[in-house]
Amino acid sequence: MEREPREVMEYDVLIVGAGPAGLSAAIRLRQRAVETGQEISVCVIEKGSEVGAHLLSGAVFEPHALDELIPDWKEKGAPLTTKAREDHFLFLTETKAFKSPFAPPQMNNHGNYIISLGNLARWLATQAEELGVEIYPGFAAAEVLYDDAGAVKGVATGDMGIGKDGEKTGNYTPGMELHAKQTIFAEGCRGSLTKTLFEKFDLRRDCQPQTYGLGIKELWEIDPAKSKPGLIVHTIGWPMDPKTYGGSWLYHMEGNLVSVGFVVGLDYWNPHMSPFEEFQRYKTHPAIRPTFEGGRRLAYGARALNEGGFQSIPKLTFPGGLLIGDGAGFLNVPKIKGNHTAMKSGMVAAESVFDHLTGGAEGAEVIAYPERLKQSWVWPELNAVRNIRPGFQKGLWAGLANAAYETALKGKSPWTLKHHADNTTLVKASEAPKIVYPKPDGKVTFDRLSSVYLSNTNHEEDQPAHLTLKDKSVPISVNLALYDAPEQRYCPAGVYEIVRNEDGSDPRLQINAQNCVHCKTCDIKDPTQNINWVVPEGGGGPNYPGGM
């Protein structure tokens, strides 16, 4: 297919992704411009149909970075209204719950807020636009653009109106090129363009492999008599086996809303395990189920989370651009929080880019950014907890003992534990016990397809699949043969399905791409890294409501 000429838009700074990190960077850039009387044009593009549409988080929010970015956020109506009031930390067995007399120090939420991350992003977007930032939702960045010297010069959005056959339809519209002096990538976890930057500039050369968790979440409206706004409950233990990292959250919000979610470390070992089913099973626990009985499930979603922490942070700069937020991996795993660190990384990046562009700095790489980040509070915060997540590689009890030790020493151990890539950890299906999951009751537990319906996921059906295979033979010759096709179970949206003839012959992988909630798990967990997640048409994917 011959490509038509693309319209070109030029800016001083282009930001890919309208999450907390990207919007914080945009706001700080324009704040500096106003403060100094210098003009700098800033554009933010977002693949979701609107700002916040693809944001999924617990979320207990630490306002540290927001205090620095917009000190008068309360007067400006930031959607931080439910103060964290009470922390519970539970260890679950199959039938009992044991409450810790105190929560781990990292989970002390005094001064924090239970929020909708999507609503916070929408509010940040209004603050950015008031400062002169241009924001374009529904613009999916599909390609990194390079100049003749190999430096990043911007991105191109995907063409619209391409059919499944790869040919133009009657709705064809060519993508656009957005050029900038500096491009800030704030794609979030496992960004599709960020992956290509890792490879082109070898950004992961001097760091540990990134490791991930899959977070699955529901939003419920519960019986008002059970609502306790400000209550925060975290659990570990059942239904995870002692070798598998995982746990839950349950956050009581205003309006009788409860955010409930479950995180499974994607370094899990049993190919028969289904993170979605484990989440549903968790809700049947005697200490958990009563919260939801008589309630109504409103929304569902899933998202991968970076869990590598300090030792998995890649090189953050390259000619023409830089990485911020969860795309770089700034999540504080023991806190189960990353929005404050993501925002701060965006603010530090903005300061560095502004000084670079206005100070006549030589070269196209903003080398001041990582050095300034190391001088900020982000670096020591992540360094202090660097050994806690990898300590769980030897199981729950060893992990808890190590976490207590590291907490007591405040991360001053003379060593740094290593990570391993999540796609390498599955054992063969024949060597692992099968797991029989209970059928959903339609009251507290549900199936995947009804769950995906609640995510408001939508993709234009006549478009090339955004879930691509490098080798179409691998799903059967490797995944099915060795691991009983684990993609059928690790996907929380029912995207992957092994279909056969009526007599059971000719197994083949069917990809239901229209179900995809953009969690990126397949891109991470596939044993041979044969699945490659690329962006669909702009605006496609989930549309999470405000309460998420």
Protein backbone atom coordinates (compact mmCIF):
# COMPACT_ATOMS: atom_id res chain seq x y z
CA MET A 1 0.00 0.00 0.00
CA GLU A 2 1.40 3.37 -1.01
CA ARG A 3 1.58 5.84 1.86
CA GLU A 4 0.10 9.28 1.32
CA PRO A 5 1.99 12.38 2.47
CA ARG A 6 1.47 13.10 6.15
CA GLU A 7 0.75 16.49 7.66
CA VAL A 8 3.57 17.75 9.87
CA MET A 9 3.09 19.66 13.13
CA GLU A 10 6.11 21.15 14.90
CA TYR A 11 6.64 21.91 18.58
CA ASP A 12 9.47 22.63 20.93
CA VAL A 13 8.53 19.65 23.14
CA LEU A 14 6.31 16.67 22.35
CA ILE A 15 5.05 14.41 25.14
CA VAL A 16 3.73 10.94 24.30
CA GLY A 17 1.17 9.92 26.91
CA ALA A 18 -1.27 11.94 29.02
CA GLY A 19 -0.83 10.16 32.33
CA PRO A 20 0.34 11.82 35.54
CA ALA A 21 3.99 11.83 34.42
CA GLY A 22 3.37 13.33 30.97
CA LEU A 23 0.92 15.94 32.20
CA SER A 24 3.21 16.94 35.07
CA ALA A 25 6.04 17.44 32.59
CA ALA A 26 3.80 19.55 30.36
CA ILE A 27 2.61 21.71 33.26
CA ARG A 28 6.12 22.30 34.57
CA LEU A 29 7.43 23.22 31.13
CA ARG A 30 4.76 25.86 30.69
CA GLN A 31 5.17 27.08 34.27
CA ARG A 32 8.85 27.72 33.56
CA ALA A 33 7.97 29.46 30.32
CA VAL A 34 5.57 31.80 32.13
CA GLU A 35 8.01 32.41 35.00
CA THR A 36 10.86 33.37 32.67
CA GLY A 37 8.87 35.08 29.93
CA GLN A 38 10.22 32.69 27.31
CA GLU A 39 7.96 30.97 24.82
CA ILE A 40 8.06 27.20 24.50
CA SER A 41 5.40 25.19 22.68
CA VAL A 42 4.29 21.92 24.28
CA CYS A 43 2.05 19.21 22.83
CA VAL A 44 0.74 16.06 24.52
CA ILE A 45 -0.76 13.19 22.55
CA GLU A 46 -2.77 10.36 24.12
CA LYS A 47 -3.89 7.07 22.54
CA GLY A 48 -7.04 6.82 24.69
CA SER A 49 -10.31 8.30 23.47
CA GLU A 50 -9.98 10.93 26.21
CA VAL A 51 -7.48 11.80 28.89
CA GLY A 52 -7.90 9.20 31.63
CA ALA A 53 -9.63 6.60 29.44
CA HIS A 54 -6.74 4.13 29.76
CA LEU A 55 -5.70 4.90 33.33
CA LEU A 56 -6.20 2.10 35.80
CA SER A 57 -4.93 2.34 39.34
CA GLY A 58 -5.88 1.47 42.89
CA ALA A 59 -5.19 4.26 43.76
CA VAL A 60 -3.91 5.53 47.06
CA PHE A 61 -2.18 8.76 46.15
CA GLU A 62 0.75 10.35 47.93
CA PRO A 63 0.49 14.12 47.22
CA HIS A 64 4.20 14.91 47.64
CA ALA A 65 4.86 15.71 43.97
CA LEU A 66 1.51 17.47 43.51
CA ASP A 67 2.34 19.75 46.45
CA GLU A 68 5.48 20.78 44.58
CA LEU A 69 3.86 21.10 41.15
CA ILE A 70 0.65 22.92 42.08
CA PRO A 71 0.87 24.05 45.73
CA ASP A 72 -2.67 25.45 45.71
CA TRP A 73 -4.25 22.29 44.31
CA LYS A 74 -6.94 22.26 46.97
CA GLU A 75 -8.13 25.74 46.00
CA LYS A 76 -8.05 24.71 42.34
CA GLY A 77 -10.37 21.77 42.95
CA ALA A 78 -8.07 18.77 42.55
CA PRO A 79 -10.14 15.57 42.92
CA LEU A 80 -8.49 14.50 46.18
CA THR A 81 -11.40 14.26 48.58
CA THR A 82 -11.23 10.91 50.40
CA LYS A 83 -8.50 10.99 53.02
CA ALA A 84 -6.87 7.73 54.00
CA ARG A 85 -8.06 7.08 57.56
CA GLU A 86 -7.37 3.46 58.48
CA ASP A 87 -4.89 0.83 57.27
CA HIS A 88 -5.48 -2.92 57.63
CA PHE A 89 -2.93 -5.52 56.56
CA LEU A 90 -4.20 -9.11 56.45
CA PHE A 91 -2.61 -12.50 55.92
CA LEU A 92 -5.16 -14.87 54.39
CA THR A 93 -5.41 -18.62 54.62
CA GLU A 94 -8.18 -20.38 52.70
CA THR A 95 -10.69 -19.85 55.50
CA LYS A 96 -9.19 -17.32 57.93
CA ALA A 97 -7.73 -13.81 57.98
CA PHE A 98 -5.01 -12.77 60.41
CA LYS A 99 -4.68 -9.03 60.94
CA SER A 100 -1.22 -7.65 61.51
CA PRO A 101 -1.10 -5.41 64.60
CA PHE A 102 0.58 -2.83 62.41
CA ALA A 103 0.91 -2.26 58.68
CA PRO A 104 4.37 -2.38 57.09
CA PRO A 105 5.95 1.11 57.28
CA GLN A 106 5.79 1.52 53.51
CA MET A 107 2.01 1.05 53.70
CA ASN A 108 1.42 3.77 56.29
CA ASN A 109 -0.97 5.99 54.37
CA HIS A 110 -1.31 8.87 56.81
CA GLY A 111 -1.63 12.05 54.72
CA ASN A 112 -2.55 10.17 51.54
CA TYR A 113 -5.81 10.09 49.57
CA ILE A 114 -7.92 7.41 47.89
CA ILE A 115 -8.55 8.77 44.41
CA SER A 116 -9.64 8.05 40.87
CA LEU A 117 -6.43 8.28 38.87
CA GLY A 118 -8.43 8.95 35.70
CA ASN A 119 -10.14 11.93 37.34
CA LEU A 120 -6.80 13.26 38.57
CA ALA A 121 -5.42 13.07 35.03
CA ARG A 122 -8.47 14.87 33.65
CA TRP A 123 -7.95 17.63 36.21
CA LEU A 124 -4.23 17.86 35.43
CA ALA A 125 -5.13 18.16 31.75
CA THR A 126 -7.29 21.21 32.46
CA GLN A 127 -4.41 22.78 34.40
CA ALA A 128 -2.06 22.10 31.49
CA GLU A 129 -4.43 23.53 28.90
CA GLU A 130 -4.91 26.68 30.97
CA LEU A 131 -1.14 27.14 30.74
CA GLY A 132 -1.20 26.77 26.95
CA VAL A 133 -0.41 23.10 26.47
CA GLU A 134 -2.04 21.47 23.43
CA ILE A 135 -3.51 18.04 24.25
CA TYR A 136 -4.78 15.64 21.59
CA PRO A 137 -6.55 12.47 22.81
CA GLY A 138 -7.24 9.73 20.29
CA PHE A 139 -3.78 10.21 18.75
CA ALA A 140 -1.95 6.87 18.96
CA ALA A 141 1.80 7.24 18.43
CA ALA A 142 2.72 4.34 16.16
CA GLU A 143 6.25 5.12 15.03
CA VAL A 144 9.33 6.94 16.30
CA LEU A 145 10.81 9.32 13.74
CA TYR A 146 14.56 9.89 13.41
CA ASP A 147 16.65 12.55 11.68
CA ASP A 148 19.58 11.85 9.38
CA ALA A 149 21.95 11.67 12.34
CA GLY A 150 19.84 9.03 14.08
CA ALA A 151 18.40 11.33 16.76
CA VAL A 152 14.70 11.22 17.63
CA LYS A 153 12.83 14.02 15.92
CA GLY A 154 9.27 13.12 16.96
CA VAL A 155 6.63 10.49 16.30
CA ALA A 156 4.05 9.61 13.70
CA THR A 157 0.51 8.64 14.54
CA GLY A 158 -1.02 5.61 12.89
CA ASP A 159 -3.05 5.80 9.71
CA MET A 160 -6.80 5.55 10.28
CA GLY A 161 -9.13 3.55 8.08
CA ILE A 162 -6.85 0.64 7.18
CA GLY A 163 -8.77 -2.62 6.79
CA LYS A 164 -7.80 -6.05 8.10
CA ASP A 165 -6.39 -6.82 4.67
CA GLY A 166 -3.98 -3.92 4.98
CA GLU A 167 -5.71 -1.90 2.29
CA LYS A 168 -7.28 1.54 2.60
CA THR A 169 -11.00 1.71 3.32
CA GLY A 170 -13.37 4.53 2.51
CA ASN A 171 -12.59 6.03 5.92
CA TYR A 172 -8.86 6.23 5.30
CA THR A 173 -7.04 9.16 6.87
CA PRO A 174 -3.23 9.30 6.84
CA GLY A 175 -1.42 9.67 10.15
CA MET A 176 0.36 12.83 11.18
CA GLU A 177 3.97 13.55 11.94
CA LEU A 178 4.68 15.51 15.09
CA HIS A 179 8.19 16.93 15.18
CA ALA A 180 9.91 18.39 18.24
CA LYS A 181 13.28 19.52 19.50
CA GLN A 182 12.80 17.06 22.37
CA THR A 183 10.33 14.18 22.67
CA ILE A 184 9.39 12.95 26.14
CA PHE A 185 8.08 9.39 26.23
CA ALA A 186 5.50 8.89 29.01
CA GLU A 187 3.75 5.82 27.60
CA GLY A 188 3.41 3.98 30.90
CA CYS A 189 4.26 0.36 31.54
CA ARG A 190 5.65 -1.60 28.57
CA GLY A 191 5.13 1.23 26.09
CA SER A 192 5.20 0.03 22.50
CA LEU A 193 7.48 2.84 21.28
CA THR A 194 9.60 2.79 24.43
CA LYS A 195 10.40 -0.86 23.66
CA THR A 196 11.85 0.14 20.31
CA LEU A 197 13.92 2.87 21.94
CA PHE A 198 15.38 0.33 24.37
CA GLU A 199 16.59 -1.68 21.40
CA LYS A 200 17.79 1.14 19.15
CA PHE A 201 19.80 2.93 21.84
CA ASP A 202 20.60 -0.13 23.98
CA LEU A 203 19.11 1.64 26.99
CA ARG A 204 18.87 -1.52 29.12
CA ARG A 205 22.53 -2.41 28.73
CA ASP A 206 23.55 -1.53 32.30
CA CYS A 207 20.43 -2.45 34.30
CA GLN A 208 18.60 -5.54 35.50
CA PRO A 209 15.71 -7.02 33.48
CA GLN A 210 12.39 -5.35 34.18
CA THR A 211 9.93 -7.52 36.06
CA TYR A 212 6.17 -6.99 36.15
CA GLY A 213 2.94 -7.65 37.95
CA LEU A 214 -0.54 -7.90 36.47
CA GLY A 215 -3.08 -5.80 38.32
CA ILE A 216 -6.75 -6.70 37.82
CA LYS A 217 -9.36 -4.35 39.23
CA GLU A 218 -13.08 -3.89 39.73
CA LEU A 219 -15.09 -0.92 40.91
CA TRP A 220 -18.12 -1.72 43.06
CA GLU A 221 -21.03 0.16 44.51
CA ILE A 222 -21.66 -1.53 47.87
CA ASP A 223 -24.36 -1.51 50.52
CA PRO A 224 -24.14 1.92 52.24
CA ALA A 225 -24.14 0.17 55.63
CA LYS A 226 -20.80 -1.43 54.69
CA SER A 227 -19.17 1.70 53.27
CA LYS A 228 -16.22 3.07 55.27
CA PRO A 229 -14.65 5.91 53.24
CA GLY A 230 -10.93 6.08 53.93
CA LEU A 231 -10.51 2.40 54.87
CA ILE A 232 -7.55 0.72 53.16
CA VAL A 233 -7.14 -3.07 53.26
CA HIS A 234 -4.19 -4.98 51.78
CA THR A 235 -3.78 -8.75 51.86
CA ILE A 236 -1.13 -11.35 51.11
CA GLY A 237 -1.33 -15.14 51.21
CA TRP A 238 -4.30 -17.09 49.85
CA PRO A 239 -5.16 -17.71 47.05
CA MET A 240 -1.49 -17.49 46.00
CA ASP A 241 0.70 -20.51 46.61
CA PRO A 242 3.80 -19.74 48.74
CA LYS A 243 6.07 -19.63 45.67
CA THR A 244 4.00 -17.01 43.82
CA TYR A 245 4.14 -13.27 44.51
CA GLY A 246 0.78 -11.59 44.80
CA GLY A 247 -1.67 -9.68 46.96
CA SER A 248 -4.76 -7.53 46.98
CA TRP A 249 -6.10 -4.09 47.74
CA LEU A 250 -9.51 -2.94 48.83
CA TYR A 251 -10.09 0.82 49.06
CA HIS A 252 -13.29 2.39 50.36
CA MET A 253 -14.12 5.61 48.50
CA GLU A 254 -16.89 8.15 48.86
CA GLY A 255 -20.31 7.49 47.34
CA ASN A 256 -20.39 3.87 48.59
CA LEU A 257 -17.71 2.94 46.06
CA VAL A 258 -15.01 0.34 46.63
CA SER A 259 -11.98 -0.26 44.44
CA VAL A 260 -10.88 -3.88 44.70
CA GLY A 261 -7.94 -5.39 42.92
CA PHE A 262 -5.46 -8.23 42.83
CA VAL A 263 -1.84 -8.21 41.67
CA VAL A 264 -0.01 -11.34 40.52
CA GLY A 265 3.73 -11.21 39.87
CA LEU A 266 4.30 -12.18 36.25
CA ASP A 267 7.28 -14.25 37.28
CA TYR A 268 4.81 -16.94 38.37
CA TRP A 269 5.79 -20.53 37.61
CA ASN A 270 2.64 -22.61 37.00
CA PRO A 271 1.37 -22.34 33.39
CA HIS A 272 -2.07 -23.57 34.52
CA MET A 273 -2.61 -20.51 36.71
CA SER A 274 -5.05 -17.78 35.65
CA PRO A 275 -4.55 -14.40 37.37
CA PHE A 276 -8.13 -13.47 36.50
CA GLU A 277 -9.52 -16.59 38.15
CA GLU A 278 -7.29 -16.09 41.19
CA PHE A 279 -8.80 -12.62 41.59
CA GLN A 280 -12.33 -13.98 41.37
CA ARG A 281 -11.43 -16.70 43.87
CA TYR A 282 -9.97 -14.11 46.27
CA LYS A 283 -13.36 -12.37 46.46
CA THR A 284 -14.93 -15.57 47.86
CA HIS A 285 -12.80 -15.46 51.02
CA PRO A 286 -14.96 -15.25 54.18
CA ALA A 287 -13.24 -12.01 55.20
CA ILE A 288 -13.71 -10.41 51.76
CA ARG A 289 -16.99 -11.66 50.27
CA PRO A 290 -19.32 -9.87 52.73
CA THR A 291 -18.13 -6.49 51.45
CA PHE A 292 -19.60 -7.24 48.02
CA GLU A 293 -22.74 -9.16 48.88
CA GLY A 294 -25.73 -7.01 48.00
CA GLY A 295 -23.51 -4.70 45.95
CA ARG A 296 -23.17 -4.01 42.25
CA ARG A 297 -20.08 -4.30 40.07
CA LEU A 298 -19.67 -1.15 37.97
CA ALA A 299 -16.42 -1.49 36.07
CA TYR A 300 -13.51 -3.81 35.31
CA GLY A 301 -9.98 -3.38 34.01
CA ALA A 302 -6.43 -4.74 33.99
CA ARG A 303 -2.93 -3.33 33.62
CA ALA A 304 0.64 -4.51 33.89
CA LEU A 305 2.83 -2.81 36.49
CA ASN A 306 6.60 -2.33 36.47
CA GLU A 307 8.00 -4.05 39.56
CA GLY A 308 11.73 -4.01 38.87
CA GLY A 309 12.36 -0.82 40.81
CA PHE A 310 15.73 0.83 41.30
CA GLN A 311 17.99 -1.76 39.66
CA SER A 312 15.79 -2.01 36.56
CA ILE A 313 15.79 1.69 35.69
CA PRO A 314 17.26 1.99 32.17
CA LYS A 315 19.37 4.75 30.69
CA LEU A 316 16.87 7.60 30.61
CA THR A 317 18.14 9.80 27.79
CA PHE A 318 19.10 9.46 24.15
CA PRO A 319 19.60 11.92 21.31
CA GLY A 320 16.38 13.88 20.91
CA GLY A 321 14.41 12.43 23.80
CA LEU A 322 14.01 10.96 27.26
CA LEU A 323 11.91 8.57 29.35
CA ILE A 324 9.71 9.40 32.34
CA GLY A 325 7.11 7.79 34.56
CA ASP A 326 6.18 4.14 34.60
CA GLY A 327 7.65 3.70 31.14
CA ALA A 328 11.02 4.03 32.85
CA GLY A 329 9.92 1.99 35.89
CA PHE A 330 9.63 4.32 38.89
CA LEU A 331 7.01 2.32 40.81
CA ASN A 332 7.74 1.90 44.53
CA VAL A 333 6.62 -1.72 44.89
CA PRO A 334 6.42 -2.01 48.70
CA LYS A 335 4.31 1.16 48.80
CA ILE A 336 2.24 -0.06 45.83
CA LYS A 337 2.51 3.52 44.60
CA GLY A 338 4.15 5.07 41.58
CA ASN A 339 2.13 8.14 40.69
CA HIS A 340 4.09 10.47 42.96
CA THR A 341 7.44 9.26 41.63
CA ALA A 342 6.15 9.32 38.04
CA MET A 343 5.00 12.91 38.45
CA LYS A 344 8.30 13.95 40.00
CA SER A 345 10.26 12.33 37.16
CA GLY A 346 8.16 14.35 34.71
CA MET A 347 8.81 17.56 36.63
CA VAL A 348 12.57 16.94 36.78
CA ALA A 349 12.59 16.09 33.08
CA ALA A 350 10.70 19.30 32.29
CA GLU A 351 13.17 21.42 34.25
CA SER A 352 16.06 19.75 32.45
CA VAL A 353 14.51 20.06 28.98
CA PHE A 354 13.58 23.69 29.54
CA ASP A 355 17.10 24.62 30.62
CA HIS A 356 18.52 22.60 27.72
CA LEU A 357 16.40 24.35 25.12
CA THR A 358 16.70 27.87 26.50
CA GLY A 359 20.29 27.74 27.71
CA GLY A 360 21.98 26.89 24.44
CA ALA A 361 23.19 23.51 25.67
CA GLU A 362 25.24 21.61 23.14
CA GLY A 363 24.07 18.33 21.72
CA ALA A 364 20.62 16.80 21.38
CA GLU A 365 20.70 14.67 24.55
CA VAL A 366 19.46 16.14 27.83
CA ILE A 367 22.17 14.60 29.97
CA ALA A 368 21.28 16.80 32.98
CA TYR A 369 17.99 14.93 33.52
CA PRO A 370 19.27 11.68 35.10
CA GLU A 371 21.77 13.59 37.19
CA ARG A 372 19.07 15.89 38.54
CA LEU A 373 16.79 12.92 39.18
CA LYS A 374 19.52 11.34 41.30
CA GLN A 375 19.57 14.53 43.41
CA SER A 376 15.78 14.43 43.90
CA TRP A 377 13.85 12.47 46.54
CA VAL A 378 12.88 9.83 43.94
CA TRP A 379 16.32 8.20 43.83
CA PRO A 380 16.85 7.54 47.57
CA GLU A 381 13.21 6.44 47.95
CA LEU A 382 13.59 3.74 45.31
CA ASN A 383 17.10 2.78 46.38
CA ALA A 384 15.96 2.14 49.95
CA VAL A 385 13.43 -0.52 48.86
CA ARG A 386 15.37 -2.02 45.94
CA ASN A 387 15.83 -5.46 47.53
CA ILE A 388 12.28 -6.05 48.76
CA ARG A 389 10.55 -7.27 45.58
CA PRO A 390 13.37 -9.56 44.35
CA GLY A 391 13.52 -11.07 47.84
CA PHE A 392 10.23 -12.83 47.10
CA GLN A 393 11.80 -14.92 44.33
CA LYS A 394 12.53 -17.55 47.00
CA GLY A 395 8.93 -17.62 48.20
CA LEU A 396 6.58 -15.80 50.54
CA TRP A 397 8.26 -16.54 53.86
CA ALA A 398 11.77 -15.77 52.67
CA GLY A 399 10.42 -12.62 51.03
CA LEU A 400 8.73 -11.41 54.21
CA ALA A 401 11.85 -12.06 56.28
CA ASN A 402 13.99 -10.21 53.76
CA ALA A 403 11.49 -7.31 53.63
CA ALA A 404 11.63 -6.96 57.42
CA TYR A 405 15.44 -6.98 57.32
CA GLU A 406 15.63 -4.43 54.50
CA THR A 407 13.08 -2.19 56.20
CA ALA A 408 15.03 -2.26 59.46
CA LEU A 409 18.24 -1.33 57.62
CA LYS A 410 16.42 1.25 55.47
CA GLY A 411 17.89 -0.32 52.35
CA LYS A 412 21.52 0.09 53.44
CA SER A 413 22.45 -3.51 52.67
CA PRO A 414 25.82 -3.73 50.91
CA TRP A 415 24.25 -5.74 48.08
CA THR A 416 21.58 -5.35 45.43
CA LEU A 417 19.49 -8.39 44.55
CA LYS A 418 18.92 -9.30 40.91
CA HIS A 419 15.80 -9.84 38.82
CA HIS A 420 15.01 -12.33 36.07
CA ALA A 421 12.88 -11.89 32.97
CA ASP A 422 9.26 -12.94 33.56
CA ASN A 423 8.94 -14.89 30.31
CA THR A 424 11.57 -17.40 31.47
CA THR A 425 9.90 -18.63 34.67
CA LEU A 426 7.18 -21.07 33.54
CA VAL A 427 7.79 -24.77 34.06
CA LYS A 428 6.40 -27.28 31.58
CA ALA A 429 2.69 -27.96 31.92
CA SER A 430 3.39 -31.63 32.57
CA GLU A 431 5.48 -30.68 35.62
CA ALA A 432 2.90 -28.40 37.26
CA PRO A 433 -0.35 -29.23 39.07
CA LYS A 434 -3.53 -28.28 37.26
CA ILE A 435 -5.84 -25.83 38.99
CA VAL A 436 -9.60 -26.30 39.01
CA TYR A 437 -11.34 -22.96 39.41
CA PRO A 438 -14.94 -22.64 40.65
CA LYS A 439 -17.58 -21.47 38.21
CA PRO A 440 -18.62 -17.82 38.60
CA ASP A 441 -21.79 -17.21 40.60
CA GLY A 442 -22.73 -13.97 38.79
CA LYS A 443 -23.07 -12.20 42.13
CA VAL A 444 -19.55 -11.76 43.48
CA THR A 445 -17.53 -13.70 40.88
CA PHE A 446 -17.78 -13.38 37.10
CA ASP A 447 -16.41 -14.62 33.79
CA ARG A 448 -13.97 -12.75 31.58
CA LEU A 449 -16.31 -11.78 28.76
CA SER A 450 -18.87 -10.12 31.03
CA SER A 451 -15.95 -8.37 32.72
CA VAL A 452 -14.53 -7.05 29.45
CA TYR A 453 -17.98 -5.67 28.65
CA LEU A 454 -17.73 -3.50 31.76
CA SER A 455 -14.37 -2.10 30.61
CA ASN A 456 -16.16 -0.36 27.70
CA THR A 457 -13.45 -1.73 25.42
CA ASN A 458 -13.96 -0.90 21.78
CA HIS A 459 -11.83 -1.39 18.69
CA GLU A 460 -12.82 -0.73 15.11
CA GLU A 461 -13.29 -4.28 13.85
CA ASP A 462 -12.03 -3.70 10.33
CA GLN A 463 -8.43 -2.83 11.19
CA PRO A 464 -5.19 -4.81 11.30
CA ALA A 465 -4.82 -6.73 14.57
CA HIS A 466 -2.64 -4.87 17.06
CA LEU A 467 -1.58 -8.20 18.61
CA THR A 468 0.98 -9.58 16.21
CA LEU A 469 2.97 -12.82 16.06
CA LYS A 470 6.60 -12.90 15.00
CA ASP A 471 6.23 -16.59 14.07
CA LYS A 472 2.72 -17.99 13.56
CA SER A 473 3.86 -21.56 14.24
CA VAL A 474 5.08 -20.90 17.80
CA PRO A 475 1.66 -20.82 19.57
CA ILE A 476 1.11 -24.49 18.68
CA SER A 477 4.63 -25.90 18.36
CA VAL A 478 5.93 -24.31 21.57
CA ASN A 479 3.22 -22.73 23.74
CA LEU A 480 0.60 -25.45 23.39
CA ALA A 481 3.06 -28.32 23.21
CA LEU A 482 5.11 -27.34 26.25
CA TYR A 483 2.94 -25.02 28.37
CA ASP A 484 -0.66 -25.92 27.43
CA ALA A 485 -1.11 -22.51 25.74
CA PRO A 486 -0.75 -20.26 28.82
CA GLU A 487 -1.91 -17.20 26.85
CA GLN A 488 -5.43 -18.57 27.24
CA ARG A 489 -5.09 -18.05 31.00
CA TYR A 490 -2.73 -15.13 31.58
CA CYS A 491 -4.78 -12.80 29.39
CA PRO A 492 -7.47 -11.21 31.61
CA ALA A 493 -9.68 -10.38 28.63
CA GLY A 494 -10.17 -13.65 26.73
CA VAL A 495 -8.14 -12.45 23.74
CA TYR A 496 -6.31 -15.73 23.12
CA GLU A 497 -8.15 -18.96 22.41
CA ILE A 498 -7.08 -22.36 21.09
CA VAL A 499 -9.75 -23.58 18.64
CA ARG A 500 -9.98 -27.01 17.04
CA ASN A 501 -12.06 -28.96 14.58
CA GLU A 502 -15.08 -30.85 15.93
CA ASP A 503 -13.00 -34.00 16.26
CA GLY A 504 -10.35 -32.13 18.28
CA SER A 505 -7.81 -32.01 15.48
CA ASP A 506 -5.92 -29.09 13.96
CA PRO A 507 -5.41 -26.84 17.03
CA ARG A 508 -4.78 -23.20 16.16
CA LEU A 509 -4.59 -19.91 18.00
CA GLN A 510 -7.47 -17.49 17.56
CA ILE A 511 -6.76 -13.88 18.56
CA ASN A 512 -9.85 -11.92 19.60
CA ALA A 513 -8.11 -8.56 19.42
CA GLN A 514 -11.35 -6.63 19.89
CA ASN A 515 -11.39 -7.80 23.55
CA CYS A 516 -7.97 -6.35 24.40
CA VAL A 517 -7.89 -4.06 27.45
CA HIS A 518 -4.29 -2.99 26.71
CA CYS A 519 -2.79 -4.62 29.82
CA LYS A 520 0.35 -5.73 27.86
CA THR A 521 0.59 -9.05 29.75
CA CYS A 522 0.93 -11.07 26.55
CA ASP A 523 3.83 -8.91 25.41
CA ILE A 524 5.56 -9.65 28.73
CA LYS A 525 4.74 -13.25 29.66
CA ASP A 526 4.83 -15.07 26.31
CA PRO A 527 7.61 -17.66 26.80
CA THR A 528 9.45 -16.95 23.55
CA GLN A 529 8.48 -13.26 23.30
CA ASN A 530 6.64 -14.15 20.10
CA ILE A 531 3.70 -11.82 20.76
CA ASN A 532 4.30 -8.16 19.95
CA TRP A 533 1.75 -5.59 21.16
CA VAL A 534 1.48 -2.54 18.88
CA VAL A 535 -0.96 0.34 19.06
CA PRO A 536 -4.37 0.00 17.41
CA GLU A 537 -6.14 2.97 15.87
CA GLY A 538 -6.25 6.01 18.13
CA GLY A 539 -9.12 5.97 20.60
CA GLY A 540 -9.33 2.16 20.63
CA GLY A 541 -9.22 0.11 23.81
CA PRO A 542 -10.87 0.49 27.20
CA ASN A 543 -12.75 3.54 28.36
CA TYR A 544 -12.52 3.49 32.12
CA PRO A 545 -15.08 5.59 34.00
CA GLY A 546 -14.19 8.34 36.44
CA GLY A 547 -14.32 6.15 39.51
CA MET A 548 -11.49 3.92 38.24
